[in-house]
Amino acid sequence: MASSKNYTEVLIGGKVFTLSGFESEEYLQRVSTYLNHKLEECTSSEGYRKQSAETRSILLALNIADDYFKAKKQGGTLESDIEAKDKEMYDLKHELISVQIKLENADKALERLKEENKALQMKIVQLETEIKNNNK
């Protein structure tokens, strides 16, 4: 089911614009807030304010593109980190399973040795009883 198109009025650079899109009104407001922040950031520089309108537009676009590429790089880094952590987690789970199998095998061996020890203890008692009976 397709979302309905949203329309919202926003204030950008002191002018009212009507934005439309399938994103939420809240999202459209966040976009305009971001753009206002970038405009404010640029206009705080005297050098920027002295430029022609065309140059200011290009500088603003360059600043936004810079934010985009930095965010994209950070996203890629985070994605790589997640992949590395996923691999590490897989390796640790595999190691845990291996250690659990070894522990189960050691427990089984211990039980066998206990049974063997019990049988040998009984054999000792039996042999000692036979020796006592033969010495009488």
C-alpha atoms as a PDB file:
ATOM      1  CA  MET A   1       0.000   0.000   0.000  1.00  0.00           C
ATOM      2  CA  ALA A   2       1.538   3.323  -1.059  1.00  0.00           C
ATOM      3  CA  SER A   3       1.785   6.200   1.387  1.00  0.00           C
ATOM      4  CA  SER A   4      -0.073   9.385   0.661  1.00  0.00           C
ATOM      5  CA  LYS A   5       1.847  12.446  -0.333  1.00  0.00           C
ATOM      6  CA  ASN A   6       2.413  14.915   2.513  1.00  0.00           C
ATOM      7  CA  TYR A   7       2.501  18.675   2.140  1.00  0.00           C
ATOM      8  CA  THR A   8       3.985  20.981   4.733  1.00  0.00           C
ATOM      9  CA  GLU A   9       5.009  24.593   4.870  1.00  0.00           C
ATOM     10  CA  VAL A  10       8.550  25.292   6.000  1.00  0.00           C
ATOM     11  CA  LEU A  11      10.623  28.399   6.535  1.00  0.00           C
ATOM     12  CA  ILE A  12      13.980  28.309   4.734  1.00  0.00           C
ATOM     13  CA  GLY A  13      16.224  31.321   4.709  1.00  0.00           C
ATOM     14  CA  GLY A  14      13.374  33.547   5.838  1.00  0.00           C
ATOM     15  CA  LYS A  15      11.035  32.448   3.024  1.00  0.00           C
ATOM     16  CA  VAL A  16       8.030  30.127   3.254  1.00  0.00           C
ATOM     17  CA  PHE A  17       8.067  27.077   0.982  1.00  0.00           C
ATOM     18  CA  THR A  18       5.559  24.297   0.594  1.00  0.00           C
ATOM     19  CA  LEU A  19       7.351  20.956   0.521  1.00  0.00           C
ATOM     20  CA  SER A  20       5.712  17.761  -0.613  1.00  0.00           C
ATOM     21  CA  GLY A  21       6.831  14.196  -0.424  1.00  0.00           C
ATOM     22  CA  PHE A  22       5.942  10.732   0.739  1.00  0.00           C
ATOM     23  CA  GLU A  23       8.075  11.234   3.842  1.00  0.00           C
ATOM     24  CA  SER A  24       6.452  12.378   7.071  1.00  0.00           C
ATOM     25  CA  GLU A  25       5.889  16.054   7.782  1.00  0.00           C
ATOM     26  CA  GLU A  26       8.316  15.685  10.683  1.00  0.00           C
ATOM     27  CA  TYR A  27      11.001  14.486   8.275  1.00  0.00           C
ATOM     28  CA  LEU A  28      10.359  17.375   5.871  1.00  0.00           C
ATOM     29  CA  GLN A  29      10.663  19.793   8.807  1.00  0.00           C
ATOM     30  CA  ARG A  30      13.975  18.171   9.864  1.00  0.00           C
ATOM     31  CA  VAL A  31      15.310  18.599   6.314  1.00  0.00           C
ATOM     32  CA  SER A  32      14.404  22.286   6.304  1.00  0.00           C
ATOM     33  CA  THR A  33      15.910  22.723   9.779  1.00  0.00           C
ATOM     34  CA  TYR A  34      19.135  21.148   8.539  1.00  0.00           C
ATOM     35  CA  LEU A  35      19.162  23.446   5.512  1.00  0.00           C
ATOM     36  CA  ASN A  36      18.552  26.508   7.710  1.00  0.00           C
ATOM     37  CA  HIS A  37      21.423  25.428   9.947  1.00  0.00           C
ATOM     38  CA  LYS A  38      23.747  25.149   6.917  1.00  0.00           C
ATOM     39  CA  LEU A  39      22.578  28.550   5.637  1.00  0.00           C
ATOM     40  CA  GLU A  40      23.242  30.089   9.044  1.00  0.00           C
ATOM     41  CA  GLU A  41      26.635  28.387   9.206  1.00  0.00           C
ATOM     42  CA  CYS A  42      27.619  29.781   5.792  1.00  0.00           C
ATOM     43  CA  THR A  43      26.197  33.269   6.281  1.00  0.00           C
ATOM     44  CA  SER A  44      28.137  33.626   9.527  1.00  0.00           C
ATOM     45  CA  SER A  45      31.256  33.924   7.336  1.00  0.00           C
ATOM     46  CA  GLU A  46      31.891  37.429   5.992  1.00  0.00           C
ATOM     47  CA  GLY A  47      33.668  35.956   2.955  1.00  0.00           C
ATOM     48  CA  TYR A  48      30.554  33.961   2.069  1.00  0.00           C
ATOM     49  CA  ARG A  49      28.281  36.989   2.392  1.00  0.00           C
ATOM     50  CA  LYS A  50      30.487  38.975  -0.032  1.00  0.00           C
ATOM     51  CA  GLN A  51      30.027  36.408  -2.812  1.00  0.00           C
ATOM     52  CA  SER A  52      27.461  36.578  -5.590  1.00  0.00           C
ATOM     53  CA  ALA A  53      24.177  34.676  -5.141  1.00  0.00           C
ATOM     54  CA  GLU A  54      25.367  32.010  -7.612  1.00  0.00           C
ATOM     55  CA  THR A  55      28.657  31.498  -5.741  1.00  0.00           C
ATOM     56  CA  ARG A  56      26.823  31.384  -2.386  1.00  0.00           C
ATOM     57  CA  SER A  57      24.509  28.680  -3.784  1.00  0.00           C
ATOM     58  CA  ILE A  58      27.475  26.649  -4.985  1.00  0.00           C
ATOM     59  CA  LEU A  59      29.288  27.050  -1.638  1.00  0.00           C
ATOM     60  CA  LEU A  60      26.146  25.992   0.216  1.00  0.00           C
ATOM     61  CA  ALA A  61      25.782  22.957  -2.068  1.00  0.00           C
ATOM     62  CA  LEU A  62      29.463  22.100  -1.492  1.00  0.00           C
ATOM     63  CA  ASN A  63      28.973  22.262   2.288  1.00  0.00           C
ATOM     64  CA  ILE A  64      25.935  19.983   2.055  1.00  0.00           C
ATOM     65  CA  ALA A  65      27.798  17.589  -0.261  1.00  0.00           C
ATOM     66  CA  ASP A  66      30.692  17.561   2.226  1.00  0.00           C
ATOM     67  CA  ASP A  67      28.296  16.576   5.040  1.00  0.00           C
ATOM     68  CA  TYR A  68      26.801  13.893   2.804  1.00  0.00           C
ATOM     69  CA  PHE A  69      30.145  12.294   1.912  1.00  0.00           C
ATOM     70  CA  LYS A  70      31.357  12.428   5.513  1.00  0.00           C
ATOM     71  CA  ALA A  71      28.126  10.784   6.689  1.00  0.00           C
ATOM     72  CA  LYS A  72      28.368   8.193   3.916  1.00  0.00           C
ATOM     73  CA  LYS A  73      31.982   7.409   4.882  1.00  0.00           C
ATOM     74  CA  GLN A  74      30.992   7.123   8.543  1.00  0.00           C
ATOM     75  CA  GLY A  75      28.107   4.828   7.549  1.00  0.00           C
ATOM     76  CA  GLY A  76      30.528   2.657   5.570  1.00  0.00           C
ATOM     77  CA  THR A  77      32.914   2.535   8.518  1.00  0.00           C
ATOM     78  CA  LEU A  78      30.090   1.567  10.864  1.00  0.00           C
ATOM     79  CA  GLU A  79      28.942  -1.085   8.396  1.00  0.00           C
ATOM     80  CA  SER A  80      32.475  -2.508   8.264  1.00  0.00           C
ATOM     81  CA  ASP A  81      32.633  -2.477  12.061  1.00  0.00           C
ATOM     82  CA  ILE A  82      29.330  -4.343  12.247  1.00  0.00           C
ATOM     83  CA  GLU A  83      30.540  -6.938   9.733  1.00  0.00           C
ATOM     84  CA  ALA A  84      33.762  -7.422  11.732  1.00  0.00           C
ATOM     85  CA  LYS A  85      31.775  -7.769  14.987  1.00  0.00           C
ATOM     86  CA  ASP A  86      29.379 -10.226  13.310  1.00  0.00           C
ATOM     87  CA  LYS A  87      32.338 -12.336  12.154  1.00  0.00           C
ATOM     88  CA  GLU A  88      33.919 -12.159  15.611  1.00  0.00           C
ATOM     89  CA  MET A  89      30.606 -13.179  17.192  1.00  0.00           C
ATOM     90  CA  TYR A  90      30.265 -16.082  14.731  1.00  0.00           C
ATOM     91  CA  ASP A  91      33.817 -17.219  15.543  1.00  0.00           C
ATOM     92  CA  LEU A  92      33.154 -16.962  19.289  1.00  0.00           C
ATOM     93  CA  LYS A  93      29.903 -18.939  18.976  1.00  0.00           C
ATOM     94  CA  HIS A  94      31.750 -21.590  16.982  1.00  0.00           C
ATOM     95  CA  GLU A  95      34.505 -21.708  19.619  1.00  0.00           C
ATOM     96  CA  LEU A  96      31.888 -21.909  22.389  1.00  0.00           C
ATOM     97  CA  ILE A  97      30.185 -24.866  20.702  1.00  0.00           C
ATOM     98  CA  SER A  98      33.561 -26.564  20.255  1.00  0.00           C
ATOM     99  CA  VAL A  99      34.421 -26.043  23.937  1.00  0.00           C
ATOM    100  CA  GLN A 100      30.966 -27.303  24.976  1.00  0.00           C
ATOM    101  CA  ILE A 101      31.502 -30.486  22.947  1.00  0.00           C
ATOM    102  CA  LYS A 102      34.928 -30.969  24.552  1.00  0.00           C
ATOM    103  CA  LEU A 103      33.375 -30.422  27.987  1.00  0.00           C
ATOM    104  CA  GLU A 104      30.634 -32.972  27.270  1.00  0.00           C
ATOM    105  CA  ASN A 105      33.257 -35.470  26.104  1.00  0.00           C
ATOM    106  CA  ALA A 106      35.382 -34.776  29.214  1.00  0.00           C
ATOM    107  CA  ASP A 107      32.294 -35.272  31.422  1.00  0.00           C
ATOM    108  CA  LYS A 108      31.566 -38.596  29.704  1.00  0.00           C
ATOM    109  CA  ALA A 109      35.200 -39.678  30.126  1.00  0.00           C
ATOM    110  CA  LEU A 110      35.089 -38.660  33.788  1.00  0.00           C
ATOM    111  CA  GLU A 111      31.919 -40.715  34.314  1.00  0.00           C
ATOM    112  CA  ARG A 112      33.568 -43.721  32.625  1.00  0.00           C
ATOM    113  CA  LEU A 113      36.637 -43.315  34.835  1.00  0.00           C
ATOM    114  CA  LYS A 114      34.440 -43.055  37.946  1.00  0.00           C
ATOM    115  CA  GLU A 115      32.646 -46.260  36.943  1.00  0.00           C
ATOM    116  CA  GLU A 116      35.974 -47.931  36.243  1.00  0.00           C
ATOM    117  CA  ASN A 117      37.333 -46.706  39.590  1.00  0.00           C
ATOM    118  CA  LYS A 118      34.228 -48.003  41.380  1.00  0.00           C
ATOM    119  CA  ALA A 119      34.618 -51.390  39.695  1.00  0.00           C
ATOM    120  CA  LEU A 120      38.310 -51.516  40.638  1.00  0.00           C
ATOM    121  CA  GLN A 121      37.503 -50.523  44.258  1.00  0.00           C
ATOM    122  CA  MET A 122      34.999 -53.385  44.395  1.00  0.00           C
ATOM    123  CA  LYS A 123      37.601 -55.732  42.903  1.00  0.00           C
ATOM    124  CA  ILE A 124      40.091 -54.628  45.611  1.00  0.00           C
ATOM    125  CA  VAL A 125      37.538 -55.324  48.343  1.00  0.00           C
ATOM    126  CA  GLN A 126      36.768 -58.707  46.768  1.00  0.00           C
ATOM    127  CA  LEU A 127      40.456 -59.608  46.511  1.00  0.00           C
ATOM    128  CA  GLU A 128      41.155 -58.461  50.084  1.00  0.00           C
ATOM    129  CA  THR A 129      38.214 -60.579  51.271  1.00  0.00           C
ATOM    130  CA  GLU A 130      39.561 -63.594  49.373  1.00  0.00           C
ATOM    131  CA  ILE A 131      43.035 -63.069  50.858  1.00  0.00           C
ATOM    132  CA  LYS A 132      41.560 -62.883  54.376  1.00  0.00           C
ATOM    133  CA  ASN A 133      39.491 -66.000  53.771  1.00  0.00           C
ATOM    134  CA  ASN A 134      42.539 -67.864  52.391  1.00  0.00           C
ATOM    135  CA  ASN A 135      44.697 -66.857  55.384  1.00  0.00           C
ATOM    136  CA  LYS A 136      42.256 -68.312  57.892  1.00  0.00           C
END
